[in-house]
N, C-alpha and C. Protein backbone atom coordinates (compact mmCIF):
# COMPACT_ATOMS: atom_id res chain seq x y z
N MET A 1 -4.03 8.49 8.70
CA MET A 1 -3.27 8.74 9.90
C MET A 1 -2.56 10.09 9.83
N ASP A 2 -1.99 10.37 8.69
CA ASP A 2 -1.30 11.64 8.51
C ASP A 2 -2.28 12.80 8.64
N ILE A 3 -3.47 12.62 8.12
CA ILE A 3 -4.48 13.69 8.18
C ILE A 3 -4.87 13.97 9.62
N VAL A 4 -5.08 12.92 10.41
CA VAL A 4 -5.46 13.08 11.82
C VAL A 4 -4.34 13.77 12.58
N TYR A 5 -3.10 13.34 12.35
CA TYR A 5 -1.95 13.95 13.02
C TYR A 5 -1.84 15.43 12.68
N ARG A 6 -1.92 15.75 11.40
CA ARG A 6 -1.79 17.15 10.99
C ARG A 6 -2.90 18.02 11.56
N ALA A 7 -4.11 17.50 11.58
CA ALA A 7 -5.22 18.30 12.09
C ALA A 7 -5.13 18.48 13.61
N ALA A 8 -4.77 17.42 14.33
CA ALA A 8 -4.75 17.47 15.80
C ALA A 8 -3.52 18.20 16.34
N VAL A 9 -2.34 17.88 15.81
CA VAL A 9 -1.11 18.42 16.37
C VAL A 9 -0.70 19.74 15.73
N LEU A 10 -0.72 19.78 14.43
CA LEU A 10 -0.24 20.97 13.74
C LEU A 10 -1.33 22.00 13.46
N GLY A 11 -2.58 21.55 13.45
CA GLY A 11 -3.69 22.46 13.20
C GLY A 11 -3.81 22.92 11.76
N GLU A 12 -3.20 22.19 10.85
CA GLU A 12 -3.28 22.54 9.44
C GLU A 12 -3.51 21.29 8.62
N PHE A 13 -4.07 21.47 7.42
CA PHE A 13 -4.35 20.35 6.55
C PHE A 13 -4.31 20.83 5.11
N PHE A 14 -3.55 20.15 4.28
CA PHE A 14 -3.45 20.46 2.86
C PHE A 14 -3.90 19.24 2.06
N PRO A 15 -5.03 19.32 1.37
CA PRO A 15 -5.56 18.16 0.64
C PRO A 15 -4.60 17.62 -0.41
N GLY A 16 -3.92 18.48 -1.12
CA GLY A 16 -2.97 18.03 -2.14
C GLY A 16 -1.83 17.23 -1.54
N GLU A 17 -1.32 17.70 -0.43
CA GLU A 17 -0.24 16.99 0.25
C GLU A 17 -0.73 15.65 0.79
N ALA A 18 -1.95 15.61 1.29
CA ALA A 18 -2.51 14.36 1.79
C ALA A 18 -2.66 13.35 0.65
N ALA A 19 -3.05 13.80 -0.53
CA ALA A 19 -3.18 12.92 -1.68
C ALA A 19 -1.82 12.37 -2.11
N ILE A 20 -0.81 13.21 -2.10
CA ILE A 20 0.54 12.76 -2.46
C ILE A 20 1.04 11.73 -1.46
N VAL A 21 0.84 11.96 -0.19
CA VAL A 21 1.27 11.02 0.84
C VAL A 21 0.53 9.69 0.67
N ALA A 22 -0.76 9.74 0.39
CA ALA A 22 -1.53 8.51 0.20
C ALA A 22 -1.00 7.72 -0.99
N VAL A 23 -0.69 8.40 -2.07
CA VAL A 23 -0.16 7.71 -3.26
C VAL A 23 1.20 7.10 -2.96
N LEU A 24 2.06 7.85 -2.33
CA LEU A 24 3.41 7.35 -2.05
C LEU A 24 3.42 6.18 -1.08
N LEU A 25 2.56 6.22 -0.08
CA LEU A 25 2.59 5.19 0.96
C LEU A 25 1.70 3.98 0.68
N ALA A 26 0.76 4.08 -0.25
CA ALA A 26 -0.16 2.98 -0.49
C ALA A 26 -0.16 2.50 -1.93
N PHE A 27 -0.37 3.38 -2.86
CA PHE A 27 -0.60 2.98 -4.25
C PHE A 27 0.68 2.50 -4.93
N ILE A 28 1.78 3.19 -4.75
CA ILE A 28 3.04 2.80 -5.39
C ILE A 28 3.54 1.45 -4.87
N PRO A 29 3.57 1.19 -3.55
CA PRO A 29 3.96 -0.15 -3.10
C PRO A 29 3.02 -1.25 -3.63
N TYR A 30 1.73 -0.94 -3.73
CA TYR A 30 0.79 -1.91 -4.29
C TYR A 30 1.17 -2.26 -5.72
N LEU A 31 1.47 -1.26 -6.53
CA LEU A 31 1.85 -1.52 -7.91
C LEU A 31 3.16 -2.29 -8.02
N LEU A 32 4.11 -1.99 -7.14
CA LEU A 32 5.40 -2.67 -7.19
C LEU A 32 5.33 -4.11 -6.72
N LEU A 33 4.45 -4.41 -5.77
CA LEU A 33 4.39 -5.75 -5.19
C LEU A 33 3.31 -6.63 -5.78
N ARG A 34 2.42 -6.08 -6.57
CA ARG A 34 1.29 -6.84 -7.10
C ARG A 34 1.74 -8.01 -7.96
N ASP A 35 2.62 -7.78 -8.93
CA ASP A 35 3.05 -8.85 -9.82
C ASP A 35 3.88 -9.92 -9.10
N PRO A 36 4.90 -9.55 -8.32
CA PRO A 36 5.67 -10.60 -7.63
C PRO A 36 4.82 -11.44 -6.68
N MET A 37 3.91 -10.82 -5.95
CA MET A 37 3.07 -11.58 -5.03
C MET A 37 2.10 -12.48 -5.79
N GLY A 38 1.61 -12.02 -6.94
CA GLY A 38 0.75 -12.85 -7.77
C GLY A 38 1.48 -14.07 -8.29
N ARG A 39 2.72 -13.90 -8.69
CA ARG A 39 3.52 -15.04 -9.16
C ARG A 39 3.76 -16.04 -8.03
N ILE A 40 4.07 -15.54 -6.85
CA ILE A 40 4.29 -16.44 -5.71
C ILE A 40 3.01 -17.19 -5.37
N ALA A 41 1.89 -16.49 -5.39
CA ALA A 41 0.61 -17.13 -5.07
C ALA A 41 0.26 -18.18 -6.11
N ARG A 42 0.46 -17.89 -7.40
CA ARG A 42 0.17 -18.89 -8.44
C ARG A 42 1.07 -20.10 -8.29
N HIS A 43 2.34 -19.88 -7.97
CA HIS A 43 3.26 -21.00 -7.75
C HIS A 43 2.84 -21.83 -6.55
N TRP A 44 2.43 -21.17 -5.49
CA TRP A 44 2.04 -21.84 -4.25
C TRP A 44 0.77 -22.68 -4.48
N ILE A 45 -0.19 -22.15 -5.21
CA ILE A 45 -1.44 -22.86 -5.47
C ILE A 45 -1.24 -24.00 -6.46
N ALA A 46 -0.38 -23.83 -7.45
CA ALA A 46 -0.21 -24.82 -8.52
C ALA A 46 0.68 -25.99 -8.12
N ARG A 47 1.43 -25.89 -7.05
CA ARG A 47 2.34 -26.99 -6.72
C ARG A 47 1.54 -28.22 -6.29
N PRO A 48 2.05 -29.40 -6.59
CA PRO A 48 1.32 -30.63 -6.25
C PRO A 48 1.33 -30.87 -4.74
N ALA A 49 0.25 -31.47 -4.28
CA ALA A 49 0.14 -31.77 -2.85
C ALA A 49 1.05 -32.94 -2.51
N SER A 50 1.80 -32.81 -1.43
CA SER A 50 2.69 -33.89 -1.01
C SER A 50 1.98 -34.74 0.05
N CYS A 51 2.10 -36.04 -0.11
CA CYS A 51 1.43 -36.96 0.81
C CYS A 51 2.41 -37.68 1.68
């Protein structure tokens, strides 16, 4: 999205900056949330079914 915006509106594009933005907005949150969400999912799957 950032790449499209920069190319269309600003008329400039810097690949290094695009890579930094991608890492900051996608990869870092993935790393931070991966373990807690995995624990929640394991807890949710392992709980006994209530009848």
